[in-house]
Amino acid sequence: MEATMSNFDAVKFRKVRAMMDGGATEGERTAARGRAEAIAAKVGWDLHTAIQFDDAQRRRAGDTTGRTSTTQTWEEYWAKGQAEREARFREAERQHGSSEKAFAETDRERRLRLALKSLAVRSKYSNSSKSYISGFGTWTVGAPDVDVLAALERAYPLPTNLPGAMAEWQEWDDLFELRFAYDRDYDIPIHVRCRVDALASILDTMPARSWSDFDIRMQWRRRGIERDRWHDINDDIAAHDRLAADLAFLRSMETPPSTMDSNPRRTNAEKRQAVLSILDTHPELSDREIARRAGVSPQTVNNWRRRRYAT
């Protein structure tokens, strides 16, 4: 237990916990809860256990002044909000109909649950002998590995482009918003969270191949900023580099090769820079394709490729 406790990121958890109850919007509170669950899951805890640990740490530190809803114990928090939860539930049923229908397992949820079943990793609750699914394979949060992706694909095909990834992500988000209307403490099934993380990875990393793709990437980036205030600097740098690479690709497609070839003012240095820029952002392209985009010969591209990657 001590080893688990030492690996628990208590500082980050406390910041995220504050937003679970104090976020300005439903989206912020929902995102905060998801991050809190992910922090707890990394050490094999559920959210309840992590909150109890945080409360115990506060008591040891003598943090008994200025108690607010964000420093209450789980039991106090739950009891205080019971009337609000009941009113919220009644209003949701009035607006959206039966809760049974809203929370009924969908066909896609069932497919995901069955497809990931064999990869499930179970952990025990710290305060009981019962266990729960804490992940699949090596996945607990973030981009799934190849084995988990294969299982997700078996459930039903993953999107192969940015519009498809955004469309499916939006469908899940709409379903979650409906269920949150009934219950703010609704817990997204872990097999669904795994699929949503895979979609997020596609939206984060798949290269844009058109300006409409780029628009989707910008929309996705904006949603991430609005819903999640805690960013890892490496994630932000990766997102910036992805946008820069997308822009370089799209700009390289804007000027027809014939225009570049007929431009007598292009210097050798400009041609070299055009080739190197595409090699940096899209090294997987063939010499012929890079030559077409840069307006030079394939042999020129080959020469600069060999120089760039010479050891």
C-alpha atoms as a PDB file:
ATOM      1  CA  MET A   1       0.000   0.000   0.000  1.00  0.00           C
ATOM      2  CA  GLU A   2       2.841   2.386   0.869  1.00  0.00           C
ATOM      3  CA  ALA A   3       4.349   1.950  -2.580  1.00  0.00           C
ATOM      4  CA  THR A   4       0.996   2.735  -4.141  1.00  0.00           C
ATOM      5  CA  MET A   5       0.529   5.805  -1.961  1.00  0.00           C
ATOM      6  CA  SER A   6       3.992   7.094  -2.831  1.00  0.00           C
ATOM      7  CA  ASN A   7       3.126   6.950  -6.536  1.00  0.00           C
ATOM      8  CA  PHE A   8      -0.138   8.873  -6.113  1.00  0.00           C
ATOM      9  CA  ASP A   9       0.054  12.402  -7.550  1.00  0.00           C
ATOM     10  CA  ALA A  10      -1.687  14.082  -4.619  1.00  0.00           C
ATOM     11  CA  VAL A  11      -0.985  17.656  -5.738  1.00  0.00           C
ATOM     12  CA  LYS A  12      -2.506  17.214  -9.182  1.00  0.00           C
ATOM     13  CA  PHE A  13      -5.413  15.200  -7.773  1.00  0.00           C
ATOM     14  CA  ARG A  14      -6.275  17.988  -5.324  1.00  0.00           C
ATOM     15  CA  LYS A  15      -6.333  20.590  -8.098  1.00  0.00           C
ATOM     16  CA  VAL A  16      -8.500  18.388 -10.275  1.00  0.00           C
ATOM     17  CA  ARG A  17     -10.777  17.568  -7.358  1.00  0.00           C
ATOM     18  CA  ALA A  18     -11.411  21.258  -6.767  1.00  0.00           C
ATOM     19  CA  MET A  19     -12.732  21.560 -10.315  1.00  0.00           C
ATOM     20  CA  MET A  20     -14.993  18.493  -9.935  1.00  0.00           C
ATOM     21  CA  ASP A  21     -17.320  20.579  -7.826  1.00  0.00           C
ATOM     22  CA  GLY A  22     -16.231  24.119  -8.587  1.00  0.00           C
ATOM     23  CA  GLY A  23     -15.942  24.125 -12.380  1.00  0.00           C
ATOM     24  CA  ALA A  24     -17.781  26.948 -14.104  1.00  0.00           C
ATOM     25  CA  THR A  25     -19.446  24.674 -16.665  1.00  0.00           C
ATOM     26  CA  GLU A  26     -20.761  21.124 -16.844  1.00  0.00           C
ATOM     27  CA  GLY A  27     -18.027  20.307 -19.338  1.00  0.00           C
ATOM     28  CA  GLU A  28     -15.292  21.477 -16.967  1.00  0.00           C
ATOM     29  CA  ARG A  29     -16.724  19.470 -14.065  1.00  0.00           C
ATOM     30  CA  THR A  30     -17.108  16.382 -16.227  1.00  0.00           C
ATOM     31  CA  ALA A  31     -13.568  16.662 -17.579  1.00  0.00           C
ATOM     32  CA  ALA A  32     -12.231  17.159 -14.046  1.00  0.00           C
ATOM     33  CA  ARG A  33     -13.968  14.025 -12.809  1.00  0.00           C
ATOM     34  CA  GLY A  34     -12.486  12.032 -15.675  1.00  0.00           C
ATOM     35  CA  ARG A  35      -8.997  13.320 -14.894  1.00  0.00           C
ATOM     36  CA  ALA A  36      -9.446  12.561 -11.184  1.00  0.00           C
ATOM     37  CA  GLU A  37     -10.500   8.998 -12.020  1.00  0.00           C
ATOM     38  CA  ALA A  38      -7.497   8.605 -14.317  1.00  0.00           C
ATOM     39  CA  ILE A  39      -5.063   9.818 -11.632  1.00  0.00           C
ATOM     40  CA  ALA A  40      -6.598   7.356  -9.151  1.00  0.00           C
ATOM     41  CA  ALA A  41      -6.566   4.491 -11.675  1.00  0.00           C
ATOM     42  CA  LYS A  42      -2.812   4.877 -12.232  1.00  0.00           C
ATOM     43  CA  VAL A  43      -2.234   3.556  -8.694  1.00  0.00           C
ATOM     44  CA  GLY A  44      -5.072   1.023  -8.795  1.00  0.00           C
ATOM     45  CA  TRP A  45      -7.631   3.080  -6.886  1.00  0.00           C
ATOM     46  CA  ASP A  46     -11.174   4.084  -7.637  1.00  0.00           C
ATOM     47  CA  LEU A  47     -12.262   7.711  -7.198  1.00  0.00           C
ATOM     48  CA  HIS A  48     -13.798   7.068  -3.766  1.00  0.00           C
ATOM     49  CA  THR A  49     -10.508   5.659  -2.432  1.00  0.00           C
ATOM     50  CA  ALA A  50      -8.497   8.573  -3.833  1.00  0.00           C
ATOM     51  CA  ILE A  51     -10.842  11.098  -2.188  1.00  0.00           C
ATOM     52  CA  GLN A  52     -10.588   9.286   1.140  1.00  0.00           C
ATOM     53  CA  PHE A  53      -6.804   9.359   0.881  1.00  0.00           C
ATOM     54  CA  ASP A  54      -6.870  13.084   0.049  1.00  0.00           C
ATOM     55  CA  ASP A  55      -9.136  13.754   3.043  1.00  0.00           C
ATOM     56  CA  ALA A  56      -6.777  11.834   5.329  1.00  0.00           C
ATOM     57  CA  GLN A  57      -3.806  13.825   4.045  1.00  0.00           C
ATOM     58  CA  ARG A  58      -5.663  17.069   4.729  1.00  0.00           C
ATOM     59  CA  ARG A  59      -6.444  16.001   8.285  1.00  0.00           C
ATOM     60  CA  ARG A  60      -2.819  15.073   8.932  1.00  0.00           C
ATOM     61  CA  ALA A  61      -1.774  18.504   7.670  1.00  0.00           C
ATOM     62  CA  GLY A  62      -4.316  20.193   9.952  1.00  0.00           C
ATOM     63  CA  ASP A  63      -6.356  21.509   7.019  1.00  0.00           C
ATOM     64  CA  THR A  64      -9.589  22.105   8.937  1.00  0.00           C
ATOM     65  CA  THR A  65     -10.155  25.787   8.205  1.00  0.00           C
ATOM     66  CA  GLY A  66     -12.201  27.275   5.410  1.00  0.00           C
ATOM     67  CA  ARG A  67     -13.933  23.980   4.595  1.00  0.00           C
ATOM     68  CA  THR A  68     -15.821  24.171   1.340  1.00  0.00           C
ATOM     69  CA  SER A  69     -17.533  21.628  -0.854  1.00  0.00           C
ATOM     70  CA  THR A  70     -14.167  20.831  -2.422  1.00  0.00           C
ATOM     71  CA  THR A  71     -12.635  19.804   0.971  1.00  0.00           C
ATOM     72  CA  GLN A  72     -15.540  17.733   2.253  1.00  0.00           C
ATOM     73  CA  THR A  73     -15.267  14.001   2.699  1.00  0.00           C
ATOM     74  CA  TRP A  74     -16.967  11.815   0.127  1.00  0.00           C
ATOM     75  CA  GLU A  75     -19.742  10.967   2.583  1.00  0.00           C
ATOM     76  CA  GLU A  76     -20.381  14.638   3.409  1.00  0.00           C
ATOM     77  CA  TYR A  77     -20.335  15.585  -0.248  1.00  0.00           C
ATOM     78  CA  TRP A  78     -22.781  12.817  -1.150  1.00  0.00           C
ATOM     79  CA  ALA A  79     -25.245  13.570   1.674  1.00  0.00           C
ATOM     80  CA  LYS A  80     -25.278  17.309   1.021  1.00  0.00           C
ATOM     81  CA  GLY A  81     -26.073  16.890  -2.663  1.00  0.00           C
ATOM     82  CA  GLN A  82     -28.816  14.263  -2.344  1.00  0.00           C
ATOM     83  CA  ALA A  83     -31.727  16.686  -2.715  1.00  0.00           C
ATOM     84  CA  GLU A  84     -30.057  18.365  -5.684  1.00  0.00           C
ATOM     85  CA  ARG A  85     -29.458  14.997  -7.365  1.00  0.00           C
ATOM     86  CA  GLU A  86     -33.084  13.955  -6.908  1.00  0.00           C
ATOM     87  CA  ALA A  87     -34.358  17.232  -8.370  1.00  0.00           C
ATOM     88  CA  ARG A  88     -31.956  16.941 -11.281  1.00  0.00           C
ATOM     89  CA  PHE A  89     -33.151  13.392 -11.979  1.00  0.00           C
ATOM     90  CA  ARG A  90     -36.829  14.381 -11.962  1.00  0.00           C
ATOM     91  CA  GLU A  91     -36.183  17.303 -14.329  1.00  0.00           C
ATOM     92  CA  ALA A  92     -34.243  15.063 -16.714  1.00  0.00           C
ATOM     93  CA  GLU A  93     -37.063  12.523 -16.830  1.00  0.00           C
ATOM     94  CA  ARG A  94     -39.506  15.335 -17.536  1.00  0.00           C
ATOM     95  CA  GLN A  95     -37.390  16.608 -20.442  1.00  0.00           C
ATOM     96  CA  HIS A  96     -35.924  13.411 -21.866  1.00  0.00           C
ATOM     97  CA  GLY A  97     -38.221  10.613 -20.752  1.00  0.00           C
ATOM     98  CA  SER A  98     -37.494   7.362 -18.965  1.00  0.00           C
ATOM     99  CA  SER A  99     -34.061   6.981 -17.382  1.00  0.00           C
ATOM    100  CA  GLU A 100     -34.105   3.278 -18.263  1.00  0.00           C
ATOM    101  CA  LYS A 101     -34.035   4.171 -21.938  1.00  0.00           C
ATOM    102  CA  ALA A 102     -31.293   6.772 -21.497  1.00  0.00           C
ATOM    103  CA  PHE A 103     -29.021   4.382 -19.582  1.00  0.00           C
ATOM    104  CA  ALA A 104     -29.794   1.209 -21.564  1.00  0.00           C
ATOM    105  CA  GLU A 105     -26.646  -0.357 -22.999  1.00  0.00           C
ATOM    106  CA  THR A 106     -26.331   0.496 -26.683  1.00  0.00           C
ATOM    107  CA  ASP A 107     -25.247  -2.002 -29.334  1.00  0.00           C
ATOM    108  CA  ARG A 108     -21.846  -0.340 -29.622  1.00  0.00           C
ATOM    109  CA  GLU A 109     -21.348  -0.384 -25.853  1.00  0.00           C
ATOM    110  CA  ARG A 110     -22.146  -4.103 -25.829  1.00  0.00           C
ATOM    111  CA  ARG A 111     -19.725  -4.788 -28.704  1.00  0.00           C
ATOM    112  CA  LEU A 112     -16.933  -2.911 -26.937  1.00  0.00           C
ATOM    113  CA  ARG A 113     -17.547  -4.661 -23.627  1.00  0.00           C
ATOM    114  CA  LEU A 114     -17.364  -8.102 -25.234  1.00  0.00           C
ATOM    115  CA  ALA A 115     -14.402  -7.310 -27.500  1.00  0.00           C
ATOM    116  CA  LEU A 116     -12.260  -6.002 -24.628  1.00  0.00           C
ATOM    117  CA  LYS A 117     -13.300  -8.615 -22.065  1.00  0.00           C
ATOM    118  CA  SER A 118     -10.300 -10.894 -22.615  1.00  0.00           C
ATOM    119  CA  LEU A 119      -7.858  -7.988 -22.104  1.00  0.00           C
ATOM    120  CA  ALA A 120      -9.432  -6.744 -18.868  1.00  0.00           C
ATOM    121  CA  VAL A 121      -7.087  -6.046 -15.951  1.00  0.00           C
ATOM    122  CA  ARG A 122      -8.776  -6.301 -12.564  1.00  0.00           C
ATOM    123  CA  SER A 123      -7.762  -4.519  -9.358  1.00  0.00           C
ATOM    124  CA  LYS A 124      -9.088  -4.834  -5.830  1.00  0.00           C
ATOM    125  CA  TYR A 125     -10.719  -2.024  -3.938  1.00  0.00           C
ATOM    126  CA  SER A 126      -8.563  -0.935  -1.016  1.00  0.00           C
ATOM    127  CA  ASN A 127     -11.440  -1.237   1.452  1.00  0.00           C
ATOM    128  CA  SER A 128     -13.074  -4.500   0.298  1.00  0.00           C
ATOM    129  CA  SER A 129     -12.371  -7.865  -1.289  1.00  0.00           C
ATOM    130  CA  LYS A 130     -14.281  -6.919  -4.435  1.00  0.00           C
ATOM    131  CA  SER A 131     -12.476  -6.089  -7.671  1.00  0.00           C
ATOM    132  CA  TYR A 132     -13.112  -3.848 -10.648  1.00  0.00           C
ATOM    133  CA  ILE A 133     -11.749  -3.444 -14.181  1.00  0.00           C
ATOM    134  CA  SER A 134      -8.957  -0.874 -13.999  1.00  0.00           C
ATOM    135  CA  GLY A 135      -7.750  -1.155 -17.597  1.00  0.00           C
ATOM    136  CA  PHE A 136      -7.238  -3.321 -20.671  1.00  0.00           C
ATOM    137  CA  GLY A 137      -3.802  -4.727 -21.461  1.00  0.00           C
ATOM    138  CA  THR A 138      -1.377  -1.870 -20.789  1.00  0.00           C
ATOM    139  CA  TRP A 139      -4.098   0.770 -21.169  1.00  0.00           C
ATOM    140  CA  THR A 140      -5.567   2.769 -18.293  1.00  0.00           C
ATOM    141  CA  VAL A 141      -5.779   6.216 -19.888  1.00  0.00           C
ATOM    142  CA  GLY A 142      -4.563   7.854 -23.108  1.00  0.00           C
ATOM    143  CA  ALA A 143      -3.762   6.265 -26.459  1.00  0.00           C
ATOM    144  CA  PRO A 144      -4.328   2.465 -26.429  1.00  0.00           C
ATOM    145  CA  ASP A 145      -1.573   0.083 -27.546  1.00  0.00           C
ATOM    146  CA  VAL A 146      -1.759  -2.080 -30.680  1.00  0.00           C
ATOM    147  CA  ASP A 147      -3.414  -5.057 -28.951  1.00  0.00           C
ATOM    148  CA  VAL A 148      -6.164  -2.925 -27.472  1.00  0.00           C
ATOM    149  CA  LEU A 149      -6.628  -1.090 -30.790  1.00  0.00           C
ATOM    150  CA  ALA A 150      -7.055  -4.466 -32.496  1.00  0.00           C
ATOM    151  CA  ALA A 151      -9.783  -5.379 -30.005  1.00  0.00           C
ATOM    152  CA  LEU A 152     -11.524  -2.045 -30.563  1.00  0.00           C
ATOM    153  CA  GLU A 153     -11.370  -2.685 -34.298  1.00  0.00           C
ATOM    154  CA  ARG A 154     -12.940  -6.115 -33.816  1.00  0.00           C
ATOM    155  CA  ALA A 155     -15.833  -4.555 -31.944  1.00  0.00           C
ATOM    156  CA  TYR A 156     -16.486  -2.306 -34.952  1.00  0.00           C
ATOM    157  CA  PRO A 157     -14.099  -0.483 -37.309  1.00  0.00           C
ATOM    158  CA  LEU A 158     -12.172   2.524 -36.066  1.00  0.00           C
ATOM    159  CA  PRO A 159     -12.502   5.701 -38.162  1.00  0.00           C
ATOM    160  CA  THR A 160      -9.928   6.087 -40.920  1.00  0.00           C
ATOM    161  CA  ASN A 161     -10.096   9.876 -41.207  1.00  0.00           C
ATOM    162  CA  LEU A 162     -10.587  12.949 -39.062  1.00  0.00           C
ATOM    163  CA  PRO A 163     -14.244  13.600 -39.997  1.00  0.00           C
ATOM    164  CA  GLY A 164     -15.137  10.040 -39.037  1.00  0.00           C
ATOM    165  CA  ALA A 165     -13.278  10.272 -35.732  1.00  0.00           C
ATOM    166  CA  MET A 166     -14.946  13.573 -34.857  1.00  0.00           C
ATOM    167  CA  ALA A 167     -18.398  12.264 -35.798  1.00  0.00           C
ATOM    168  CA  GLU A 168     -18.079   9.218 -33.543  1.00  0.00           C
ATOM    169  CA  TRP A 169     -16.549  11.237 -30.703  1.00  0.00           C
ATOM    170  CA  GLN A 170     -19.502  13.639 -30.919  1.00  0.00           C
ATOM    171  CA  GLU A 171     -21.984  10.747 -30.789  1.00  0.00           C
ATOM    172  CA  TRP A 172     -20.424   9.509 -27.557  1.00  0.00           C
ATOM    173  CA  ASP A 173     -20.307  13.015 -26.130  1.00  0.00           C
ATOM    174  CA  ASP A 174     -24.011  13.511 -26.872  1.00  0.00           C
ATOM    175  CA  LEU A 175     -24.832  10.225 -25.113  1.00  0.00           C
ATOM    176  CA  PHE A 176     -22.773  11.191 -22.074  1.00  0.00           C
ATOM    177  CA  GLU A 177     -24.396  14.628 -21.895  1.00  0.00           C
ATOM    178  CA  LEU A 178     -27.819  12.960 -21.933  1.00  0.00           C
ATOM    179  CA  ARG A 179     -26.878  10.637 -19.075  1.00  0.00           C
ATOM    180  CA  PHE A 180     -25.221  13.442 -17.117  1.00  0.00           C
ATOM    181  CA  ALA A 181     -28.537  15.283 -17.328  1.00  0.00           C
ATOM    182  CA  TYR A 182     -29.963  12.582 -15.061  1.00  0.00           C
ATOM    183  CA  ASP A 183     -26.913  12.018 -12.890  1.00  0.00           C
ATOM    184  CA  ARG A 184     -23.952  14.363 -12.597  1.00  0.00           C
ATOM    185  CA  ASP A 185     -21.978  11.524 -10.982  1.00  0.00           C
ATOM    186  CA  TYR A 186     -22.581   9.138 -13.886  1.00  0.00           C
ATOM    187  CA  ASP A 187     -19.507   6.980 -14.449  1.00  0.00           C
ATOM    188  CA  ILE A 188     -18.661   6.336 -18.116  1.00  0.00           C
ATOM    189  CA  PRO A 189     -18.043   2.573 -18.629  1.00  0.00           C
ATOM    190  CA  ILE A 190     -14.328   1.891 -18.836  1.00  0.00           C
ATOM    191  CA  HIS A 191     -14.633  -0.025 -22.128  1.00  0.00           C
ATOM    192  CA  VAL A 192     -16.272   3.067 -23.632  1.00  0.00           C
ATOM    193  CA  ARG A 193     -13.610   5.375 -22.175  1.00  0.00           C
ATOM    194  CA  CYS A 194     -11.028   3.192 -23.911  1.00  0.00           C
ATOM    195  CA  ARG A 195     -12.759   3.713 -27.275  1.00  0.00           C
ATOM    196  CA  VAL A 196     -13.084   7.454 -26.661  1.00  0.00           C
ATOM    197  CA  ASP A 197      -9.373   7.671 -25.826  1.00  0.00           C
ATOM    198  CA  ALA A 198      -8.602   5.914 -29.116  1.00  0.00           C
ATOM    199  CA  LEU A 199     -10.737   8.476 -30.975  1.00  0.00           C
ATOM    200  CA  ALA A 200      -8.961  11.297 -29.139  1.00  0.00           C
ATOM    201  CA  SER A 201      -5.608   9.864 -30.211  1.00  0.00           C
ATOM    202  CA  ILE A 202      -6.759   9.843 -33.840  1.00  0.00           C
ATOM    203  CA  LEU A 203      -7.937  13.446 -33.547  1.00  0.00           C
ATOM    204  CA  ASP A 204      -4.629  14.411 -31.919  1.00  0.00           C
ATOM    205  CA  THR A 205      -2.224  12.706 -34.292  1.00  0.00           C
ATOM    206  CA  MET A 206      -3.734  11.761 -37.672  1.00  0.00           C
ATOM    207  CA  PRO A 207      -2.296  14.079 -40.378  1.00  0.00           C
ATOM    208  CA  ALA A 208      -4.744  16.536 -41.945  1.00  0.00           C
ATOM    209  CA  ARG A 209      -5.117  15.993 -45.683  1.00  0.00           C
ATOM    210  CA  SER A 210      -7.381  18.924 -46.535  1.00  0.00           C
ATOM    211  CA  TRP A 211      -8.365  22.294 -45.158  1.00  0.00           C
ATOM    212  CA  SER A 212     -11.620  20.765 -43.878  1.00  0.00           C
ATOM    213  CA  ASP A 213      -9.504  18.246 -41.941  1.00  0.00           C
ATOM    214  CA  PHE A 214      -7.525  21.144 -40.533  1.00  0.00           C
ATOM    215  CA  ASP A 215     -10.750  22.880 -39.471  1.00  0.00           C
ATOM    216  CA  ILE A 216     -11.713  19.719 -37.567  1.00  0.00           C
ATOM    217  CA  ARG A 217      -8.317  19.629 -35.880  1.00  0.00           C
ATOM    218  CA  MET A 218      -8.735  23.258 -34.767  1.00  0.00           C
ATOM    219  CA  GLN A 219     -12.228  22.527 -33.431  1.00  0.00           C
ATOM    220  CA  TRP A 220     -10.847  19.557 -31.536  1.00  0.00           C
ATOM    221  CA  ARG A 221      -8.002  21.625 -30.101  1.00  0.00           C
ATOM    222  CA  ARG A 222     -10.456  24.293 -28.933  1.00  0.00           C
ATOM    223  CA  ARG A 223     -12.635  21.700 -27.215  1.00  0.00           C
ATOM    224  CA  GLY A 224      -9.624  20.324 -25.394  1.00  0.00           C
ATOM    225  CA  ILE A 225      -8.703  23.764 -24.094  1.00  0.00           C
ATOM    226  CA  GLU A 226     -12.277  24.494 -22.985  1.00  0.00           C
ATOM    227  CA  ARG A 227     -12.809  21.185 -21.212  1.00  0.00           C
ATOM    228  CA  ASP A 228      -9.431  20.513 -19.640  1.00  0.00           C
ATOM    229  CA  ARG A 229      -7.305  23.114 -17.890  1.00  0.00           C
ATOM    230  CA  TRP A 230      -4.478  20.747 -16.967  1.00  0.00           C
ATOM    231  CA  HIS A 231      -2.117  20.327 -19.887  1.00  0.00           C
ATOM    232  CA  ASP A 232       1.166  18.470 -19.954  1.00  0.00           C
ATOM    233  CA  ILE A 233       3.795  20.583 -21.690  1.00  0.00           C
ATOM    234  CA  ASN A 234       4.908  17.646 -23.856  1.00  0.00           C
ATOM    235  CA  ASP A 235       1.307  17.163 -25.043  1.00  0.00           C
ATOM    236  CA  ASP A 236       1.075  20.855 -25.903  1.00  0.00           C
ATOM    237  CA  ILE A 237       4.344  20.734 -27.853  1.00  0.00           C
ATOM    238  CA  ALA A 238       3.171  17.635 -29.725  1.00  0.00           C
ATOM    239  CA  ALA A 239      -0.116  19.369 -30.590  1.00  0.00           C
ATOM    240  CA  HIS A 240       1.762  22.436 -31.838  1.00  0.00           C
ATOM    241  CA  ASP A 241       4.083  20.295 -33.986  1.00  0.00           C
ATOM    242  CA  ARG A 242       1.097  18.427 -35.445  1.00  0.00           C
ATOM    243  CA  LEU A 243      -0.552  21.709 -36.447  1.00  0.00           C
ATOM    244  CA  ALA A 244       2.698  22.990 -37.953  1.00  0.00           C
ATOM    245  CA  ALA A 245       3.129  19.803 -39.976  1.00  0.00           C
ATOM    246  CA  ASP A 246      -0.477  20.002 -41.189  1.00  0.00           C
ATOM    247  CA  LEU A 247       0.015  23.583 -42.311  1.00  0.00           C
ATOM    248  CA  ALA A 248       3.262  22.740 -44.105  1.00  0.00           C
ATOM    249  CA  PHE A 249       1.545  19.930 -45.996  1.00  0.00           C
ATOM    250  CA  LEU A 250      -1.478  22.016 -46.950  1.00  0.00           C
ATOM    251  CA  ARG A 251       0.640  24.941 -48.087  1.00  0.00           C
ATOM    252  CA  SER A 252       2.775  22.619 -50.206  1.00  0.00           C
ATOM    253  CA  MET A 253      -0.404  21.582 -52.020  1.00  0.00           C
ATOM    254  CA  GLU A 254      -1.536  25.126 -52.768  1.00  0.00           C
ATOM    255  CA  THR A 255       0.932  26.057 -55.555  1.00  0.00           C
ATOM    256  CA  PRO A 256       0.738  23.859 -58.691  1.00  0.00           C
ATOM    257  CA  PRO A 257       4.135  22.397 -59.702  1.00  0.00           C
ATOM    258  CA  SER A 258       3.803  23.985 -63.160  1.00  0.00           C
ATOM    259  CA  THR A 259       3.734  27.428 -61.552  1.00  0.00           C
ATOM    260  CA  MET A 260       6.849  26.695 -59.536  1.00  0.00           C
ATOM    261  CA  ASP A 261       8.647  25.166 -62.505  1.00  0.00           C
ATOM    262  CA  SER A 262       7.919  28.213 -64.660  1.00  0.00           C
ATOM    263  CA  ASN A 263       9.106  30.678 -62.032  1.00  0.00           C
ATOM    264  CA  PRO A 264      12.584  31.787 -63.176  1.00  0.00           C
ATOM    265  CA  ARG A 265      13.164  33.679 -59.944  1.00  0.00           C
ATOM    266  CA  ARG A 266      13.306  30.582 -57.721  1.00  0.00           C
ATOM    267  CA  THR A 267      16.855  30.210 -56.487  1.00  0.00           C
ATOM    268  CA  ASN A 268      18.595  26.946 -55.698  1.00  0.00           C
ATOM    269  CA  ALA A 269      18.408  27.854 -52.029  1.00  0.00           C
ATOM    270  CA  GLU A 270      14.627  28.250 -52.269  1.00  0.00           C
ATOM    271  CA  LYS A 271      14.281  24.897 -53.989  1.00  0.00           C
ATOM    272  CA  ARG A 272      16.485  23.285 -51.347  1.00  0.00           C
ATOM    273  CA  GLN A 273      14.394  24.794 -48.563  1.00  0.00           C
ATOM    274  CA  ALA A 274      11.170  23.540 -50.171  1.00  0.00           C
ATOM    275  CA  VAL A 275      12.550  19.999 -50.365  1.00  0.00           C
ATOM    276  CA  LEU A 276      13.921  19.999 -46.813  1.00  0.00           C
ATOM    277  CA  SER A 277      10.669  21.374 -45.411  1.00  0.00           C
ATOM    278  CA  ILE A 278       8.671  18.504 -46.914  1.00  0.00           C
ATOM    279  CA  LEU A 279      11.305  15.965 -45.828  1.00  0.00           C
ATOM    280  CA  ASP A 280      10.991  17.255 -42.265  1.00  0.00           C
ATOM    281  CA  THR A 281       7.200  17.071 -42.136  1.00  0.00           C
ATOM    282  CA  HIS A 282       6.483  14.124 -44.448  1.00  0.00           C
ATOM    283  CA  PRO A 283       9.602  11.918 -44.714  1.00  0.00           C
ATOM    284  CA  GLU A 284       7.426   8.948 -45.668  1.00  0.00           C
ATOM    285  CA  LEU A 285       6.635  10.463 -49.110  1.00  0.00           C
ATOM    286  CA  SER A 286       8.463   9.130 -52.170  1.00  0.00           C
ATOM    287  CA  ASP A 287      11.139  11.146 -53.966  1.00  0.00           C
ATOM    288  CA  ARG A 288       8.810  11.517 -56.946  1.00  0.00           C
ATOM    289  CA  GLU A 289       5.938  12.907 -54.831  1.00  0.00           C
ATOM    290  CA  ILE A 290       8.196  15.361 -52.990  1.00  0.00           C
ATOM    291  CA  ALA A 291       9.655  16.447 -56.334  1.00  0.00           C
ATOM    292  CA  ARG A 292       6.149  17.097 -57.644  1.00  0.00           C
ATOM    293  CA  ARG A 293       5.275  19.259 -54.667  1.00  0.00           C
ATOM    294  CA  ALA A 294       8.564  21.144 -54.505  1.00  0.00           C
ATOM    295  CA  GLY A 295       8.878  21.658 -58.258  1.00  0.00           C
ATOM    296  CA  VAL A 296      12.267  19.955 -58.615  1.00  0.00           C
ATOM    297  CA  SER A 297      13.547  16.688 -60.079  1.00  0.00           C
ATOM    298  CA  PRO A 298      13.320  13.361 -58.194  1.00  0.00           C
ATOM    299  CA  GLN A 299      17.116  13.113 -58.354  1.00  0.00           C
ATOM    300  CA  THR A 300      17.423  16.447 -56.548  1.00  0.00           C
ATOM    301  CA  VAL A 301      15.142  15.156 -53.798  1.00  0.00           C
ATOM    302  CA  ASN A 302      17.162  11.945 -53.542  1.00  0.00           C
ATOM    303  CA  ASN A 303      20.399  13.912 -53.214  1.00  0.00           C
ATOM    304  CA  TRP A 304      19.049  16.048 -50.387  1.00  0.00           C
ATOM    305  CA  ARG A 305      17.439  13.074 -48.663  1.00  0.00           C
ATOM    306  CA  ARG A 306      20.767  11.238 -48.576  1.00  0.00           C
ATOM    307  CA  ARG A 307      22.526  14.325 -47.233  1.00  0.00           C
ATOM    308  CA  ARG A 308      19.859  14.953 -44.605  1.00  0.00           C
ATOM    309  CA  TYR A 309      19.932  11.413 -43.216  1.00  0.00           C
ATOM    310  CA  ALA A 310      23.613  10.672 -43.752  1.00  0.00           C
ATOM    311  CA  THR A 311      25.304   9.455 -40.588  1.00  0.00           C
END
